[in-house]
């Protein structure tokens, strides 16, 4: 197309002129499957109608998986990039310092022949698990999700447990006995006075003794 990208018209033309005639006779009226990525130009109304009318099952690869599931990404594009780089280096060694659009076809054509070989294409389908159908080829190469760690349970020997010591005798507050007679009342009063007398100075002590 004018933008350099494939569009729905080119996709439909490729479907009618290449895929359909190349696979119809070998399918012998059985359903055919066409695997594509999620690019919108592959799923226009005209393409869907043509696939429905001609018993073609259009299968879209999951998003963000082309590096694992698309055969060209797996085994063709890397050799193509390497071959194209070799053509650019060859041109630069010939004295061309600036690579422009006018050089693209002359560089890409030999690189395409080098990379798009039956061996690389078959290797791409096999490595992506599409043909022969083998999903384990992809699943084995994917990293396993990290297992969720079990919640940590503190060990008994590391836990701080409050303890109550039984060998320490705490003082038991002495509750005064309520006096029941005049003599007992006088005795309790004298005890209280003598207990508090030590906090008095000498003059106050003498005055206290005179009143007792």
C-alpha atoms as a PDB file:
ATOM      1  CA  UNK A   1       0.000   0.000   0.000  1.00  0.00           C
ATOM      2  CA  UNK A   2       1.007   3.662  -0.104  1.00  0.00           C
ATOM      3  CA  UNK A   3       1.879   3.596   3.603  1.00  0.00           C
ATOM      4  CA  UNK A   4       4.031   0.491   3.269  1.00  0.00           C
ATOM      5  CA  UNK A   5       1.703  -1.550   5.474  1.00  0.00           C
ATOM      6  CA  UNK A   6      -0.755  -4.221   4.434  1.00  0.00           C
ATOM      7  CA  UNK A   7      -4.387  -3.092   4.340  1.00  0.00           C
ATOM      8  CA  UNK A   8      -7.743  -4.892   4.134  1.00  0.00           C
ATOM      9  CA  UNK A   9      -7.837  -4.730   0.319  1.00  0.00           C
ATOM     10  CA  UNK A  10      -4.424  -6.357  -0.026  1.00  0.00           C
ATOM     11  CA  UNK A  11      -5.360  -8.949   2.606  1.00  0.00           C
ATOM     12  CA  UNK A  12      -8.521  -9.876   0.704  1.00  0.00           C
ATOM     13  CA  UNK A  13      -6.637 -10.016  -2.591  1.00  0.00           C
ATOM     14  CA  UNK A  14      -4.005 -12.336  -1.069  1.00  0.00           C
ATOM     15  CA  UNK A  15      -6.751 -14.523   0.392  1.00  0.00           C
ATOM     16  CA  UNK A  16      -8.526 -14.890  -2.956  1.00  0.00           C
ATOM     17  CA  UNK A  17      -5.504 -15.193  -5.246  1.00  0.00           C
ATOM     18  CA  UNK A  18      -3.048 -17.179  -3.136  1.00  0.00           C
ATOM     19  CA  UNK A  19      -4.428 -18.874  -0.040  1.00  0.00           C
ATOM     20  CA  UNK A  20      -7.745 -20.073  -1.452  1.00  0.00           C
ATOM     21  CA  UNK A  21      -6.512 -21.602  -4.735  1.00  0.00           C
ATOM     22  CA  UNK A  22      -3.362 -23.078  -3.138  1.00  0.00           C
ATOM     23  CA  UNK A  23      -5.280 -24.901  -0.396  1.00  0.00           C
ATOM     24  CA  UNK A  24      -8.725 -25.659  -1.845  1.00  0.00           C
ATOM     25  CA  UNK A  25      -7.759 -28.688  -3.924  1.00  0.00           C
ATOM     26  CA  UNK A  26      -5.684 -30.274  -1.170  1.00  0.00           C
ATOM     27  CA  UNK A  27      -8.440 -29.706   1.398  1.00  0.00           C
ATOM     28  CA  UNK A  28     -10.911 -31.690  -0.749  1.00  0.00           C
ATOM     29  CA  UNK A  29     -13.915 -29.766   0.638  1.00  0.00           C
ATOM     30  CA  UNK A  30     -12.745 -30.125   4.228  1.00  0.00           C
ATOM     31  CA  UNK A  31     -12.509 -27.007   6.439  1.00  0.00           C
ATOM     32  CA  UNK A  32      -9.310 -25.021   6.118  1.00  0.00           C
ATOM     33  CA  UNK A  33      -7.785 -23.029   8.939  1.00  0.00           C
ATOM     34  CA  UNK A  34      -6.071 -19.692   8.404  1.00  0.00           C
ATOM     35  CA  UNK A  35      -3.995 -18.496  11.351  1.00  0.00           C
ATOM     36  CA  UNK A  36      -3.329 -14.768  11.662  1.00  0.00           C
ATOM     37  CA  UNK A  37      -2.453 -12.208  14.284  1.00  0.00           C
ATOM     38  CA  UNK A  38      -4.887  -9.645  15.664  1.00  0.00           C
ATOM     39  CA  UNK A  39      -4.123  -7.000  13.024  1.00  0.00           C
ATOM     40  CA  UNK A  40      -7.424  -5.369  12.071  1.00  0.00           C
ATOM     41  CA  UNK A  41      -6.885  -5.613   8.312  1.00  0.00           C
ATOM     42  CA  UNK A  42      -7.227  -9.405   8.568  1.00  0.00           C
ATOM     43  CA  UNK A  43     -10.786  -9.191   9.877  1.00  0.00           C
ATOM     44  CA  UNK A  44     -12.715  -6.882   7.576  1.00  0.00           C
ATOM     45  CA  UNK A  45     -16.314  -7.750   6.730  1.00  0.00           C
ATOM     46  CA  UNK A  46     -15.363  -8.791   3.196  1.00  0.00           C
ATOM     47  CA  UNK A  47     -12.683 -11.170   4.484  1.00  0.00           C
ATOM     48  CA  UNK A  48     -15.029 -12.715   7.056  1.00  0.00           C
ATOM     49  CA  UNK A  49     -17.736 -13.215   4.430  1.00  0.00           C
ATOM     50  CA  UNK A  50     -15.299 -14.831   1.994  1.00  0.00           C
ATOM     51  CA  UNK A  51     -13.986 -17.181   4.692  1.00  0.00           C
ATOM     52  CA  UNK A  52     -17.527 -18.157   5.697  1.00  0.00           C
ATOM     53  CA  UNK A  53     -18.579 -18.846   2.108  1.00  0.00           C
ATOM     54  CA  UNK A  54     -15.488 -20.943   1.365  1.00  0.00           C
ATOM     55  CA  UNK A  55     -15.306 -22.989   4.570  1.00  0.00           C
ATOM     56  CA  UNK A  56     -12.194 -21.215   5.860  1.00  0.00           C
ATOM     57  CA  UNK A  57     -11.780 -21.000   9.633  1.00  0.00           C
ATOM     58  CA  UNK A  58     -10.077 -17.755  10.585  1.00  0.00           C
ATOM     59  CA  UNK A  59      -8.099 -18.210  13.788  1.00  0.00           C
ATOM     60  CA  UNK A  60      -6.541 -15.265  15.579  1.00  0.00           C
ATOM     61  CA  UNK A  61      -3.447 -15.725  17.732  1.00  0.00           C
ATOM     62  CA  UNK A  62      -3.699 -14.388  21.294  1.00  0.00           C
ATOM     63  CA  UNK A  63      -2.423 -10.858  21.813  1.00  0.00           C
ATOM     64  CA  UNK A  64       1.280 -10.334  22.545  1.00  0.00           C
ATOM     65  CA  UNK A  65       2.242 -13.895  21.565  1.00  0.00           C
ATOM     66  CA  UNK A  66       3.586 -13.473  18.032  1.00  0.00           C
ATOM     67  CA  UNK A  67       7.196 -13.843  19.261  1.00  0.00           C
ATOM     68  CA  UNK A  68       6.262 -17.362  20.404  1.00  0.00           C
ATOM     69  CA  UNK A  69       3.446 -18.457  18.078  1.00  0.00           C
ATOM     70  CA  UNK A  70       4.016 -16.783  14.714  1.00  0.00           C
ATOM     71  CA  UNK A  71       6.286 -18.979  12.539  1.00  0.00           C
ATOM     72  CA  UNK A  72       7.966 -16.071  10.767  1.00  0.00           C
ATOM     73  CA  UNK A  73       8.794 -14.362  14.061  1.00  0.00           C
ATOM     74  CA  UNK A  74      10.204 -17.590  15.466  1.00  0.00           C
ATOM     75  CA  UNK A  75      12.454 -18.813  12.647  1.00  0.00           C
ATOM     76  CA  UNK A  76      12.394 -16.519   9.590  1.00  0.00           C
ATOM     77  CA  UNK A  77      12.643 -12.853  10.543  1.00  0.00           C
ATOM     78  CA  UNK A  78      15.912 -13.237  12.462  1.00  0.00           C
ATOM     79  CA  UNK A  79      17.704 -14.790   9.446  1.00  0.00           C
ATOM     80  CA  UNK A  80      16.060 -12.159   7.225  1.00  0.00           C
ATOM     81  CA  UNK A  81      17.390  -9.349   9.405  1.00  0.00           C
ATOM     82  CA  UNK A  82      20.852 -10.874   9.359  1.00  0.00           C
ATOM     83  CA  UNK A  83      20.783 -11.361   5.578  1.00  0.00           C
ATOM     84  CA  UNK A  84      19.547  -7.804   4.989  1.00  0.00           C
ATOM     85  CA  UNK A  85      22.286  -6.440   7.244  1.00  0.00           C
ATOM     86  CA  UNK A  86      24.846  -8.346   5.165  1.00  0.00           C
ATOM     87  CA  UNK A  87      23.500  -6.749   1.970  1.00  0.00           C
ATOM     88  CA  UNK A  88      23.704  -3.275   3.516  1.00  0.00           C
ATOM     89  CA  UNK A  89      27.295  -3.903   4.597  1.00  0.00           C
ATOM     90  CA  UNK A  90      28.153  -5.056   1.077  1.00  0.00           C
ATOM     91  CA  UNK A  91      26.693  -1.867  -0.397  1.00  0.00           C
ATOM     92  CA  UNK A  92      28.540   0.336   2.100  1.00  0.00           C
ATOM     93  CA  UNK A  93      31.821  -1.374   1.313  1.00  0.00           C
ATOM     94  CA  UNK A  94      31.155  -0.498  -2.319  1.00  0.00           C
ATOM     95  CA  UNK A  95      31.233   3.207  -1.413  1.00  0.00           C
ATOM     96  CA  UNK A  96      27.543   3.988  -0.754  1.00  0.00           C
ATOM     97  CA  UNK A  97      27.334   5.938   2.512  1.00  0.00           C
ATOM     98  CA  UNK A  98      23.591   6.674   2.561  1.00  0.00           C
ATOM     99  CA  UNK A  99      21.010   3.904   2.141  1.00  0.00           C
ATOM    100  CA  UNK A 100      17.762   5.233   0.647  1.00  0.00           C
ATOM    101  CA  UNK A 101      14.450   3.888  -0.599  1.00  0.00           C
ATOM    102  CA  UNK A 102      15.925   3.418  -4.040  1.00  0.00           C
ATOM    103  CA  UNK A 103      18.213   0.729  -2.613  1.00  0.00           C
ATOM    104  CA  UNK A 104      15.549  -1.254  -0.749  1.00  0.00           C
ATOM    105  CA  UNK A 105      14.481  -3.675  -3.490  1.00  0.00           C
ATOM    106  CA  UNK A 106      18.024  -4.496  -4.515  1.00  0.00           C
ATOM    107  CA  UNK A 107      18.922  -5.178  -0.863  1.00  0.00           C
ATOM    108  CA  UNK A 108      15.769  -6.983   0.229  1.00  0.00           C
ATOM    109  CA  UNK A 109      15.364  -9.368  -2.705  1.00  0.00           C
ATOM    110  CA  UNK A 110      18.550 -11.420  -2.109  1.00  0.00           C
ATOM    111  CA  UNK A 111      17.992 -11.260   1.666  1.00  0.00           C
ATOM    112  CA  UNK A 112      14.482 -12.660   1.212  1.00  0.00           C
ATOM    113  CA  UNK A 113      15.767 -15.534  -0.906  1.00  0.00           C
ATOM    114  CA  UNK A 114      18.339 -16.329   1.788  1.00  0.00           C
ATOM    115  CA  UNK A 115      15.907 -16.264   4.727  1.00  0.00           C
ATOM    116  CA  UNK A 116      12.588 -17.518   3.321  1.00  0.00           C
ATOM    117  CA  UNK A 117      13.703 -21.063   2.687  1.00  0.00           C
ATOM    118  CA  UNK A 118      11.510 -24.175   3.080  1.00  0.00           C
ATOM    119  CA  UNK A 119      13.780 -25.266   5.921  1.00  0.00           C
ATOM    120  CA  UNK A 120      13.326 -22.042   7.909  1.00  0.00           C
ATOM    121  CA  UNK A 121       9.581 -21.896   7.261  1.00  0.00           C
ATOM    122  CA  UNK A 122       9.019 -25.489   8.394  1.00  0.00           C
ATOM    123  CA  UNK A 123      11.220 -24.871  11.424  1.00  0.00           C
ATOM    124  CA  UNK A 124       9.049 -21.881  12.328  1.00  0.00           C
ATOM    125  CA  UNK A 125       5.834 -23.907  12.221  1.00  0.00           C
ATOM    126  CA  UNK A 126       7.430 -26.674  14.273  1.00  0.00           C
ATOM    127  CA  UNK A 127       8.983 -24.368  16.889  1.00  0.00           C
ATOM    128  CA  UNK A 128       5.684 -22.522  17.397  1.00  0.00           C
ATOM    129  CA  UNK A 129       3.866 -25.822  17.910  1.00  0.00           C
ATOM    130  CA  UNK A 130       1.452 -25.245  15.018  1.00  0.00           C
ATOM    131  CA  UNK A 131       2.574 -28.059  12.724  1.00  0.00           C
ATOM    132  CA  UNK A 132       3.099 -30.706  13.805  1.00  0.00           C
ATOM    133  CA  UNK A 133       0.627 -29.587  16.454  1.00  0.00           C
ATOM    134  CA  UNK A 134       2.494 -29.644  19.746  1.00  0.00           C
ATOM    135  CA  UNK A 135       1.634 -26.949  22.320  1.00  0.00           C
ATOM    136  CA  UNK A 136       4.350 -28.232  24.644  1.00  0.00           C
ATOM    137  CA  UNK A 137       6.996 -26.798  22.291  1.00  0.00           C
ATOM    138  CA  UNK A 138       5.893 -23.343  23.400  1.00  0.00           C
ATOM    139  CA  UNK A 139       4.801 -24.062  26.952  1.00  0.00           C
ATOM    140  CA  UNK A 140       8.156 -25.602  27.860  1.00  0.00           C
ATOM    141  CA  UNK A 141       9.994 -22.440  26.843  1.00  0.00           C
ATOM    142  CA  UNK A 142       7.825 -20.123  28.920  1.00  0.00           C
ATOM    143  CA  UNK A 143       8.917 -19.181  32.451  1.00  0.00           C
ATOM    144  CA  UNK A 144       6.855 -20.631  35.245  1.00  0.00           C
ATOM    145  CA  UNK A 145       4.902 -18.097  37.308  1.00  0.00           C
ATOM    146  CA  UNK A 146       6.407 -17.599  40.762  1.00  0.00           C
ATOM    147  CA  UNK A 147       4.679 -19.623  43.438  1.00  0.00           C
ATOM    148  CA  UNK A 148       2.933 -17.570  46.075  1.00  0.00           C
ATOM    149  CA  UNK A 149       4.806 -17.996  49.359  1.00  0.00           C
ATOM    150  CA  UNK A 150       2.829 -19.376  52.264  1.00  0.00           C
ATOM    151  CA  UNK A 151       2.154 -16.863  55.033  1.00  0.00           C
ATOM    152  CA  UNK A 152       4.953 -16.931  57.563  1.00  0.00           C
ATOM    153  CA  UNK A 153       3.990 -18.402  60.925  1.00  0.00           C
ATOM    154  CA  UNK A 154       6.254 -17.288  63.795  1.00  0.00           C
ATOM    155  CA  UNK A 155       8.019 -20.150  65.540  1.00  0.00           C
ATOM    156  CA  UNK A 156       7.216 -20.790  69.159  1.00  0.00           C
ATOM    157  CA  UNK A 157      10.851 -20.359  70.216  1.00  0.00           C
ATOM    158  CA  UNK A 158      10.958 -16.905  68.581  1.00  0.00           C
ATOM    159  CA  UNK A 159       7.691 -15.649  69.993  1.00  0.00           C
ATOM    160  CA  UNK A 160       7.731 -13.244  72.925  1.00  0.00           C
ATOM    161  CA  UNK A 161       5.287 -14.633  75.414  1.00  0.00           C
ATOM    162  CA  UNK A 162       4.437 -12.729  78.555  1.00  0.00           C
ATOM    163  CA  UNK A 163       4.936 -14.819  81.669  1.00  0.00           C
ATOM    164  CA  UNK A 164       3.821 -14.460  85.210  1.00  0.00           C
ATOM    165  CA  UNK A 165       6.400 -15.481  87.809  1.00  0.00           C
ATOM    166  CA  UNK A 166       4.992 -17.473  90.644  1.00  0.00           C
ATOM    167  CA  UNK A 167       8.074 -17.285  92.897  1.00  0.00           C
ATOM    168  CA  UNK A 168       7.768 -13.560  93.632  1.00  0.00           C
ATOM    169  CA  UNK A 169       5.636 -12.714  96.648  1.00  0.00           C
ATOM    170  CA  UNK A 170       3.892  -9.417  96.147  1.00  0.00           C
ATOM    171  CA  UNK A 171       3.088  -7.387  99.253  1.00  0.00           C
ATOM    172  CA  UNK A 172      -0.488  -7.706 100.370  1.00  0.00           C
ATOM    173  CA  UNK A 173      -1.915  -4.373 101.403  1.00  0.00           C
ATOM    174  CA  UNK A 174      -2.886  -4.365 105.065  1.00  0.00           C
ATOM    175  CA  UNK A 175      -6.415  -3.298 105.618  1.00  0.00           C
ATOM    176  CA  UNK A 176      -6.885  -1.482 108.961  1.00  0.00           C
ATOM    177  CA  UNK A 177      -9.262  -3.185 111.328  1.00  0.00           C
ATOM    178  CA  UNK A 178     -12.162  -1.004 112.251  1.00  0.00           C
ATOM    179  CA  UNK A 179     -11.988  -0.406 116.026  1.00  0.00           C
ATOM    180  CA  UNK A 180     -14.984  -1.577 118.024  1.00  0.00           C
ATOM    181  CA  UNK A 181     -14.163   0.007 121.433  1.00  0.00           C
ATOM    182  CA  UNK A 182     -12.765   3.228 122.881  1.00  0.00           C
ATOM    183  CA  UNK A 183      -9.548   1.470 123.916  1.00  0.00           C
ATOM    184  CA  UNK A 184      -9.076   0.035 120.428  1.00  0.00           C
ATOM    185  CA  UNK A 185      -9.740   3.429 118.866  1.00  0.00           C
ATOM    186  CA  UNK A 186      -7.144   5.041 121.107  1.00  0.00           C
ATOM    187  CA  UNK A 187      -4.622   2.301 120.288  1.00  0.00           C
ATOM    188  CA  UNK A 188      -5.144   2.766 116.519  1.00  0.00           C
ATOM    189  CA  UNK A 189      -4.751   6.523 116.857  1.00  0.00           C
ATOM    190  CA  UNK A 190      -1.461   6.114 118.738  1.00  0.00           C
ATOM    191  CA  UNK A 191      -0.142   3.718 116.079  1.00  0.00           C
ATOM    192  CA  UNK A 192      -0.915   6.167 113.296  1.00  0.00           C
ATOM    193  CA  UNK A 193       0.680   9.048 115.171  1.00  0.00           C
ATOM    194  CA  UNK A 194       3.875   7.103 115.955  1.00  0.00           C
ATOM    195  CA  UNK A 195       4.138   5.863 112.336  1.00  0.00           C
ATOM    196  CA  UNK A 196       4.019   9.436 111.016  1.00  0.00           C
ATOM    197  CA  UNK A 197       6.126  10.992 113.760  1.00  0.00           C
ATOM    198  CA  UNK A 198       9.435  10.185 112.066  1.00  0.00           C
ATOM    199  CA  UNK A 199       8.671  12.792 109.409  1.00  0.00           C
ATOM    200  CA  UNK A 200       8.385  15.615 112.003  1.00  0.00           C
ATOM    201  CA  UNK A 201      11.160  17.840 113.268  1.00  0.00           C
ATOM    202  CA  UNK A 202      12.246  17.802 116.950  1.00  0.00           C
ATOM    203  CA  UNK A 203      10.025  20.709 118.032  1.00  0.00           C
ATOM    204  CA  UNK A 204       6.957  19.134 116.473  1.00  0.00           C
ATOM    205  CA  UNK A 205       7.779  15.773 118.081  1.00  0.00           C
ATOM    206  CA  UNK A 206       8.037  17.393 121.552  1.00  0.00           C
ATOM    207  CA  UNK A 207       4.716  19.163 121.102  1.00  0.00           C
ATOM    208  CA  UNK A 208       3.139  15.886 119.995  1.00  0.00           C
ATOM    209  CA  UNK A 209       4.448  13.992 123.060  1.00  0.00           C
ATOM    210  CA  UNK A 210       3.011  16.617 125.390  1.00  0.00           C
ATOM    211  CA  UNK A 211      -0.459  16.046 123.940  1.00  0.00           C
ATOM    212  CA  UNK A 212      -0.334  12.254 124.164  1.00  0.00           C
END
